[in-house]
Protein backbone atom coordinates (compact mmCIF):
# COMPACT_ATOMS: atom_id res chain seq x y z
CA MET A 1 32.36 -0.58 16.10
CA ALA A 2 33.54 -3.88 15.12
CA SER A 3 31.50 -5.76 17.65
CA ILE A 4 28.50 -4.09 16.16
CA ALA A 5 29.51 -5.54 12.96
CA ARG A 6 29.78 -8.65 14.19
CA ALA A 7 26.89 -8.59 15.69
CA PHE A 8 24.85 -7.46 13.36
CA PRO A 9 24.07 -10.96 11.28
CA LEU A 10 22.71 -12.61 14.69
CA LEU A 11 20.73 -9.77 15.13
CA LEU A 12 19.92 -9.60 11.21
CA MET A 13 18.83 -13.45 11.49
CA VAL A 14 16.47 -12.92 14.90
CA PHE A 15 14.69 -10.37 13.48
CA LEU A 16 14.04 -11.85 10.22
CA VAL A 17 13.00 -15.36 12.07
CA GLY A 18 9.94 -12.66 13.80
CA CYS A 19 8.85 -11.62 10.52
CA ALA A 20 5.50 -13.48 9.10
CA THR A 21 2.90 -12.60 7.25
CA THR A 22 -0.51 -11.91 8.67
CA ASP A 23 -2.51 -14.86 10.34
CA LYS A 24 -4.43 -15.76 7.38
CA GLN A 25 -7.11 -17.54 9.76
CA ILE A 26 -8.53 -13.56 11.26
CA SER A 27 -12.20 -13.64 10.78
CA ARG A 28 -13.65 -11.88 8.20
CA THR A 29 -17.68 -11.30 7.31
CA PRO A 30 -17.75 -12.65 3.84
CA SER A 31 -19.87 -10.88 1.37
CA THR A 32 -20.79 -11.18 -2.71
CA ALA A 33 -21.59 -9.61 -5.01
CA LEU A 34 -25.14 -7.33 -5.66
CA GLY A 35 -27.63 -10.27 -6.32
CA HIS A 36 -30.29 -8.87 -8.68
CA PRO A 37 -29.05 -5.57 -10.63
CA GLU A 38 -31.92 -5.76 -12.84
CA LEU A 39 -33.48 -3.56 -10.03
CA THR A 40 -31.03 -0.70 -9.90
CA SER A 41 -31.25 2.92 -12.80
CA ALA A 42 -28.17 1.95 -14.86
CA HIS A 43 -29.13 -2.17 -15.53
CA GLN A 44 -32.30 -0.70 -16.41
CA PHE A 45 -30.33 2.22 -18.34
CA ILE A 46 -28.87 -0.95 -20.71
CA GLN A 47 -31.57 -3.74 -20.69
CA ALA A 48 -32.87 -2.96 -24.17
CA GLU A 49 -29.64 -3.25 -25.83
CA LEU A 50 -29.55 -6.38 -23.36
CA GLU A 51 -32.51 -7.51 -24.74
CA GLN A 52 -31.26 -6.56 -27.94
CA HIS A 53 -28.10 -9.28 -27.74
CA PRO A 54 -28.76 -12.27 -25.58
CA GLY A 55 -25.95 -13.85 -24.03
CA LYS A 56 -23.69 -10.95 -25.29
CA SER A 57 -21.83 -8.46 -23.38
CA GLY A 58 -20.56 -4.89 -25.35
CA PHE A 59 -17.05 -3.17 -24.60
CA VAL A 60 -16.14 0.23 -25.21
CA LEU A 61 -11.84 0.84 -25.75
CA LEU A 62 -11.14 3.63 -22.68
CA ASN A 63 -7.61 4.49 -24.43
CA SER A 64 -7.34 7.95 -22.82
CA GLY A 65 -6.63 9.11 -19.66
CA GLU A 66 -9.40 11.46 -19.55
CA LYS A 67 -12.20 8.84 -20.78
CA ALA A 68 -10.54 6.41 -18.45
CA PHE A 69 -11.25 8.76 -15.38
CA THR A 70 -14.67 10.18 -15.92
CA SER A 71 -16.05 6.81 -17.04
CA ARG A 72 -14.94 5.98 -13.38
CA ASN A 73 -16.18 9.49 -11.84
CA ALA A 74 -19.41 8.88 -13.51
CA MET A 75 -19.80 5.35 -11.59
CA THR A 76 -18.88 6.51 -8.43
CA GLN A 77 -21.74 9.14 -9.03
CA ILE A 78 -24.66 7.33 -10.61
CA ALA A 79 -24.15 4.18 -8.69
CA GLU A 80 -26.64 2.74 -6.39
CA LYS A 81 -26.56 -0.17 -4.81
CA THR A 82 -22.47 -1.58 -4.88
CA LEU A 83 -19.55 -0.05 -5.67
CA ASP A 84 -17.25 -2.93 -5.62
CA VAL A 85 -13.07 -1.86 -6.09
CA GLN A 86 -9.69 -3.98 -6.81
CA TYR A 87 -6.20 -2.22 -7.78
CA TYR A 88 -3.10 -3.24 -7.57
CA ILE A 89 -2.13 0.01 -7.02
CA TRP A 90 -3.78 3.21 -5.51
CA ASP A 91 -1.85 6.25 -5.20
CA SER A 92 -2.40 9.18 -2.42
CA ASP A 93 -2.37 11.68 -5.74
CA ILE A 94 -4.52 13.66 -6.89
CA ILE A 95 -6.18 10.91 -8.86
CA GLY A 96 -6.35 8.77 -6.22
CA SER A 97 -7.78 11.62 -4.30
CA ILE A 98 -10.15 12.17 -6.16
CA LEU A 99 -12.01 8.80 -7.01
CA ILE A 100 -11.09 8.26 -2.94
CA ASN A 101 -13.53 11.09 -1.86
CA GLN A 102 -16.24 9.76 -4.74
CA LEU A 103 -15.85 6.50 -3.36
CA ILE A 104 -16.72 8.39 0.18
CA LYS A 105 -19.19 10.44 -1.31
CA ALA A 106 -21.16 7.29 -2.53
CA ALA A 107 -20.81 5.42 0.66
CA ASN A 108 -22.52 8.32 2.39
CA ARG A 109 -25.53 8.14 0.02
CA GLY A 110 -25.88 4.08 1.19
CA VAL A 111 -23.88 2.29 -1.37
CA HIS A 112 -22.00 -0.68 -0.32
CA VAL A 113 -18.30 0.40 -0.80
CA ARG A 114 -15.51 -2.40 -1.21
CA LEU A 115 -12.22 -1.63 -1.75
CA LEU A 116 -9.60 -4.60 -2.27
CA ILE A 117 -5.62 -3.12 -2.90
CA ASP A 118 -2.58 -5.04 -2.94
CA ASP A 119 0.08 -4.17 0.14
CA VAL A 120 3.31 -4.26 -2.21
CA GLN A 121 2.83 -0.32 -1.96
CA SER A 122 0.63 1.02 0.87
CA GLY A 123 2.99 0.64 3.53
CA GLY A 124 2.42 3.84 5.89
CA ARG A 125 -1.00 4.26 5.24
CA ASP A 126 -2.48 1.87 7.39
CA PHE A 127 -4.52 4.90 9.39
CA GLY A 128 -5.27 6.21 6.74
CA LEU A 129 -6.89 3.03 5.40
CA ALA A 130 -8.40 2.10 8.82
CA LYS A 131 -10.29 5.66 8.57
CA LEU A 132 -12.09 5.27 5.37
CA ASP A 133 -12.86 1.36 6.65
CA ALA A 134 -14.44 3.84 9.51
CA ILE A 135 -16.83 5.19 7.55
CA ASN A 136 -20.65 3.78 7.35
CA ASN A 137 -21.12 1.24 3.86
CA PHE A 138 -16.86 1.61 3.54
CA GLU A 139 -15.14 -1.85 3.55
CA VAL A 140 -11.27 -1.54 3.52
CA ARG A 141 -9.06 -4.80 2.82
CA LEU A 142 -5.64 -5.67 1.88
CA PHE A 143 -4.35 -8.60 0.01
CA ASN A 144 -1.45 -10.86 1.48
CA PRO A 145 -0.32 -7.72 4.01
CA PHE A 146 3.32 -7.55 5.38
CA GLU A 147 3.24 -8.37 8.92
CA ASP A 148 6.16 -5.93 10.00
CA ARG A 149 4.56 -2.34 8.65
CA ASN A 150 7.66 -0.61 9.19
CA PHE A 151 11.00 -2.61 7.64
CA ARG A 152 9.66 -4.35 4.43
CA VAL A 153 12.63 -4.97 3.06
CA PHE A 154 13.59 -7.36 5.28
CA GLU A 155 10.71 -9.25 5.89
CA PHE A 156 10.21 -9.15 2.01
CA ILE A 157 14.06 -11.38 2.19
CA ALA A 158 12.73 -13.39 5.00
CA ASN A 159 9.88 -15.18 2.72
CA MET A 160 10.18 -14.07 -0.46
CA SER A 161 8.38 -16.89 -1.90
CA GLU A 162 5.11 -15.88 -0.37
CA LEU A 163 5.24 -11.96 0.03
CA ASN A 164 6.49 -12.23 -4.11
CA HIS A 165 2.58 -13.79 -4.49
CA ARG A 166 0.93 -10.18 -5.57
CA MET A 167 -2.51 -9.40 -6.68
CA HIS A 168 -2.36 -7.53 -10.35
CA ASN A 169 -6.19 -7.76 -11.35
CA LYS A 170 -7.41 -4.14 -11.61
CA ALA A 171 -11.90 -4.04 -11.53
CA PHE A 172 -14.01 -0.52 -10.80
CA ILE A 173 -17.50 -2.10 -10.89
CA MET A 174 -20.86 -0.87 -10.50
CA ASP A 175 -24.02 -2.01 -8.64
CA ASN A 176 -22.96 -5.50 -11.11
CA THR A 177 -24.30 -3.89 -14.11
CA PHE A 178 -21.51 -1.69 -15.72
CA ALA A 179 -17.53 -2.49 -15.25
CA ILE A 180 -13.75 -1.54 -15.83
CA ILE A 181 -11.10 -3.10 -16.37
CA GLY A 182 -7.23 -3.30 -17.75
CA GLY A 183 -3.98 -2.09 -17.17
CA ARG A 184 -4.57 1.08 -15.50
CA ASN A 185 -3.61 1.05 -11.52
CA ILE A 186 -5.12 4.19 -9.75
CA GLY A 187 -2.40 7.58 -10.50
CA ASN A 188 -1.43 10.08 -12.25
CA GLN A 189 0.83 8.54 -14.24
CA TYR A 190 -1.83 5.93 -15.46
CA PHE A 191 -4.13 9.05 -16.72
CA GLY A 192 -1.92 11.49 -18.15
CA VAL A 193 -2.17 14.12 -15.82
CA SER A 194 1.90 13.28 -14.16
CA SER A 195 3.72 16.28 -14.82
CA GLU A 196 7.20 13.76 -14.56
CA MET A 197 6.00 10.99 -16.60
CA ASN A 198 3.03 9.13 -18.04
CA PHE A 199 2.54 5.38 -19.10
CA ARG A 200 0.03 4.48 -22.09
CA ASP A 201 -2.39 2.63 -20.58
CA LEU A 202 -5.92 0.84 -21.86
CA ASP A 203 -9.08 0.42 -20.27
CA ILE A 204 -12.36 -1.28 -21.33
CA ILE A 205 -16.16 -0.75 -19.72
CA THR A 206 -18.12 -3.69 -20.48
CA SER A 207 -21.95 -4.40 -19.20
CA GLY A 208 -23.67 -7.60 -20.03
CA PRO A 209 -22.93 -10.92 -18.61
CA ILE A 210 -19.41 -10.52 -18.40
CA VAL A 211 -19.76 -8.31 -15.70
CA LYS A 212 -21.56 -10.86 -13.25
CA ASP A 213 -18.06 -13.05 -13.96
CA ILE A 214 -16.28 -9.86 -13.39
CA SER A 215 -18.23 -9.64 -10.07
CA LYS A 216 -17.16 -13.21 -8.95
CA SER A 217 -14.00 -13.12 -9.45
CA PHE A 218 -13.44 -9.80 -7.05
CA ASP A 219 -15.70 -12.05 -4.48
CA VAL A 220 -13.36 -14.90 -4.93
CA PHE A 221 -10.49 -12.47 -4.09
CA TRP A 222 -12.14 -10.65 -1.32
CA ASN A 223 -13.33 -13.56 0.79
CA SER A 224 -10.08 -15.42 0.09
CA GLU A 225 -7.97 -15.77 3.19
CA TRP A 226 -4.85 -13.76 1.41
CA ALA A 227 -8.08 -10.03 1.59
CA ILE A 228 -7.72 -8.91 5.43
CA PRO A 229 -9.31 -6.11 6.60
CA ILE A 230 -7.66 -3.23 7.37
CA GLN A 231 -8.89 -2.56 11.01
CA ALA A 232 -6.69 -6.13 11.95
CA ILE A 233 -3.94 -4.70 10.15
CA SER A 234 -3.80 -0.86 11.20
CA LYS A 235 -2.12 -0.67 15.09
CA LYS A 236 -4.42 2.46 16.10
CA GLN A 237 -7.84 2.36 15.03
CA PRO A 238 -9.28 5.49 14.30
CA SER A 239 -11.99 7.49 16.31
CA PRO A 240 -14.73 9.22 15.14
CA LYS A 241 -12.74 12.69 15.38
CA ASP A 242 -9.76 10.81 13.26
CA VAL A 243 -12.60 10.31 10.15
CA GLN A 244 -13.31 14.03 10.68
CA LYS A 245 -9.71 15.36 10.42
CA GLY A 246 -8.28 13.17 7.44
CA LEU A 247 -12.20 14.04 5.39
CA LYS A 248 -11.05 17.34 6.26
CA LYS A 249 -7.56 17.05 4.87
CA LEU A 250 -8.35 15.58 1.91
CA GLN A 251 -10.93 17.95 0.74
CA LYS A 252 -8.33 20.88 1.32
CA TYR A 253 -5.93 18.60 -0.99
CA ILE A 254 -8.16 18.21 -3.47
CA ASP A 255 -9.47 22.23 -3.50
CA ASN A 256 -5.43 22.88 -3.61
CA HIS A 257 -5.46 21.20 -6.98
CA LYS A 258 -7.62 23.78 -9.01
CA GLU A 259 -5.89 22.84 -12.06
CA PHE A 260 -6.90 19.87 -12.28
CA PRO A 261 -7.59 19.15 -15.87
CA TYR A 262 -10.45 16.45 -16.10
CA PRO A 263 -14.04 17.55 -15.68
CA VAL A 264 -15.03 16.02 -11.71
CA HIS A 265 -18.79 17.97 -10.71
CA SER A 266 -20.69 16.98 -13.45
CA THR A 267 -24.35 17.21 -13.72
CA GLN A 268 -26.60 13.86 -14.37
CA GLU A 269 -27.49 15.51 -17.15
CA GLU A 270 -23.84 15.65 -18.40
CA ILE A 271 -23.29 12.05 -16.90
CA TYR A 272 -26.42 10.33 -18.60
CA GLN A 273 -25.39 12.73 -21.85
CA ARG A 274 -21.56 10.26 -21.30
CA MET A 275 -23.46 6.84 -20.47
CA ASN A 276 -25.64 7.54 -23.95
CA ALA A 277 -21.92 8.07 -25.98
CA THR A 278 -20.98 4.57 -24.15
CA LYS A 279 -23.96 3.06 -24.95
CA ASP A 280 -24.20 3.92 -28.88
CA SER A 281 -20.49 2.73 -28.67
CA LEU A 282 -20.83 -0.40 -27.07
CA ILE A 283 -19.92 -3.39 -29.36
CA TRP A 284 -22.01 -6.67 -28.73
CA ALA A 285 -19.89 -10.14 -28.65
CA ASN A 286 -19.25 -13.41 -26.60
CA ALA A 287 -16.56 -12.73 -23.41
CA LYS A 288 -15.12 -15.42 -21.35
CA ILE A 289 -13.60 -13.59 -18.43
CA LEU A 290 -10.30 -15.20 -16.94
CA TYR A 291 -9.03 -15.06 -14.03
CA ASP A 292 -5.89 -16.51 -11.79
CA ASP A 293 -6.81 -18.33 -8.33
CA PRO A 294 -6.32 -15.70 -5.50
CA ALA A 295 -2.97 -18.89 -4.26
CA LYS A 296 -1.67 -19.12 -7.72
CA LYS A 297 -1.30 -22.67 -7.05
CA ILE A 298 -1.72 -25.58 -9.35
CA ASP A 299 -4.57 -28.12 -7.86
CA THR A 300 -4.15 -31.02 -9.58
CA ASP A 301 -7.29 -32.41 -7.32
CA THR A 302 -9.43 -29.80 -7.98
CA GLY A 303 -8.14 -29.77 -12.13
CA TYR A 304 -6.83 -25.77 -11.47
CA GLN A 305 -4.14 -25.00 -14.20
CA GLY A 306 -3.89 -21.45 -14.05
CA ILE A 307 -4.96 -19.54 -17.33
CA GLN A 308 -2.66 -20.55 -19.74
CA PRO A 309 -4.17 -23.57 -20.81
CA HIS A 310 -7.17 -21.06 -21.24
CA LEU A 311 -5.08 -18.90 -23.55
CA THR A 312 -3.07 -22.24 -25.61
CA LYS A 313 -6.44 -23.31 -26.81
CA LEU A 314 -7.04 -19.14 -28.04
CA ALA A 315 -3.30 -19.88 -30.10
CA ASN A 316 -4.51 -23.00 -30.98
CA ASP A 317 -7.62 -21.86 -32.15
CA ALA A 318 -6.36 -18.77 -34.48
CA GLN A 319 -7.28 -18.95 -38.66
CA ASP A 320 -5.86 -16.13 -39.78
CA GLU A 321 -3.74 -14.20 -36.46
CA ILE A 322 -2.79 -13.23 -33.12
CA LEU A 323 -2.54 -9.67 -32.51
CA ILE A 324 -0.60 -8.95 -28.52
CA GLU A 325 -0.09 -6.41 -27.22
CA SER A 326 1.57 -6.67 -23.58
CA ALA A 327 4.12 -3.95 -21.31
CA TYR A 328 6.23 -6.87 -20.50
CA TYR A 329 6.20 -9.52 -22.97
CA ILE A 330 8.69 -12.40 -22.03
CA ALA A 331 9.03 -15.21 -24.43
CA GLY A 332 10.62 -18.38 -22.90
CA PRO A 333 12.00 -20.81 -24.94
CA ASN A 334 8.60 -22.55 -24.98
CA GLY A 335 7.10 -18.89 -26.13
CA ALA A 336 10.06 -18.39 -29.12
CA LYS A 337 9.21 -22.72 -30.37
CA ARG A 338 4.84 -22.24 -30.42
CA ALA A 339 6.10 -18.91 -32.71
CA LEU A 340 7.98 -21.16 -34.90
CA GLU A 341 4.72 -23.23 -34.88
CA LEU A 342 2.45 -21.03 -35.54
CA HIS A 343 4.03 -19.01 -38.37
CA LYS A 344 4.69 -22.24 -40.10
CA LYS A 345 0.78 -22.78 -40.11
CA GLY A 346 0.54 -19.75 -41.92
CA ILE A 347 -0.53 -17.94 -38.49
CA LYS A 348 0.14 -13.98 -38.44
CA LEU A 349 1.49 -13.08 -35.05
CA ARG A 350 1.82 -9.47 -34.24
CA ILE A 351 3.62 -8.46 -31.34
CA LEU A 352 3.48 -4.84 -29.48
CA THR A 353 5.56 -3.94 -26.05
CA ASN A 354 7.90 -2.00 -24.52
CA SER A 355 11.20 -0.57 -25.58
CA MET A 356 14.00 -0.39 -23.44
CA ALA A 357 13.28 3.12 -23.17
CA THR A 358 9.20 2.98 -22.10
CA ASN A 359 9.95 -0.05 -20.03
CA ASP A 360 9.99 1.02 -16.07
CA VAL A 361 10.76 -2.62 -15.78
CA ALA A 362 14.73 -2.81 -16.05
CA ALA A 363 14.26 -6.85 -15.23
CA ALA A 364 11.66 -7.06 -17.37
CA PHE A 365 13.27 -5.65 -20.67
CA VAL A 366 16.20 -7.79 -20.00
CA PHE A 367 14.37 -11.05 -20.10
CA TYR A 368 11.91 -10.12 -23.48
CA GLU A 369 15.89 -8.92 -24.93
CA LYS A 370 16.97 -12.55 -24.44
CA TYR A 371 14.36 -13.84 -26.78
CA ARG A 372 13.91 -10.86 -29.18
CA GLU A 373 16.45 -11.90 -32.34
CA GLU A 374 14.64 -15.96 -31.64
CA LEU A 375 11.00 -14.55 -31.64
CA ILE A 376 11.75 -12.56 -35.51
CA GLU A 377 13.76 -15.06 -36.44
CA ASN A 378 10.40 -17.47 -35.82
CA GLY A 379 8.27 -14.59 -38.35
CA VAL A 380 6.81 -12.45 -35.35
CA GLU A 381 6.12 -8.97 -36.09
CA LEU A 382 7.85 -7.63 -33.12
CA TYR A 383 6.85 -3.85 -32.31
CA GLU A 384 8.86 -1.26 -29.50
CA LEU A 385 6.87 1.51 -28.42
CA ARG A 386 9.54 4.32 -28.73
CA ARG A 387 9.13 7.66 -25.83
CA THR A 388 7.47 10.45 -26.65
């Protein structure tokens, strides 16, 4: 036993040296968003409103789990050409399973589905994702995947600087005409159906010129060296029999959850009733989408500085107030100083963030709490969400 203990550090070192992230030079076929969305029924549905608000985009908040689910579900059912879907987390629970099943149905009727998810929580799911990728019109890529598919902790320790580089983007884009972006990942707790814990979250459904910009951001990530096709990752490639077996297992899992609280199967009339309600609620405004470069590296040669300069400009242009709602708000010394400057200019700064009781990332709360008193002293109206 003592000899094993003495040898363990050497064995661990050998293991860590052998770890490396997936080769980003692997071949991949580039693709882009739908080029002529004006030919789709969805675009024709919204065309009159687009003409009435030239250059502007329409927005509706999705502030309930049911609206967030039914909106995504409807998009899978009425899509004609493309569904581009990008998430940090996609759980294999009932929410995740239903939406995957709906994406499969869309692919089966000829819709081109591109699914890009971060690899951070996809451990043990390579073969299942490979089955999806084997379906006609369905492509799956993982963002910054771990090289070792079994011992992720050791690899993370060995290559923390690169493997800590994750993709938090969340987008659900239909026919390059409608898009949902916001805070929700895909999983029960993000849609209010978990029996254990649910997050309070917020999305926006939008249509107009901003959707093409959202699609552009998706394309940038999809075609980047960080997005690796699942067939290059999975050690086992599925046969047609494997795919059919997986589809039956998925359907059985869904059928066993008859208590699911939200409508899944809707008639075309019901879907368009919801769409009309959404269309009538749209708030039209000029808008701009901000997103990181996939590499998240400041580049002085190209002038890329991330999104921080844009946020700074927004703060500088404020005349009356700035409202911030953020699950993880860490001001840092510069943020606290900036809050005081805004207060002296007469700009009201109101912030809503998580309390210790509602925060699911303890480290984030610790670093936020460090500057809490200073923010209040510097004139910030600071609010924390209570557990319900």
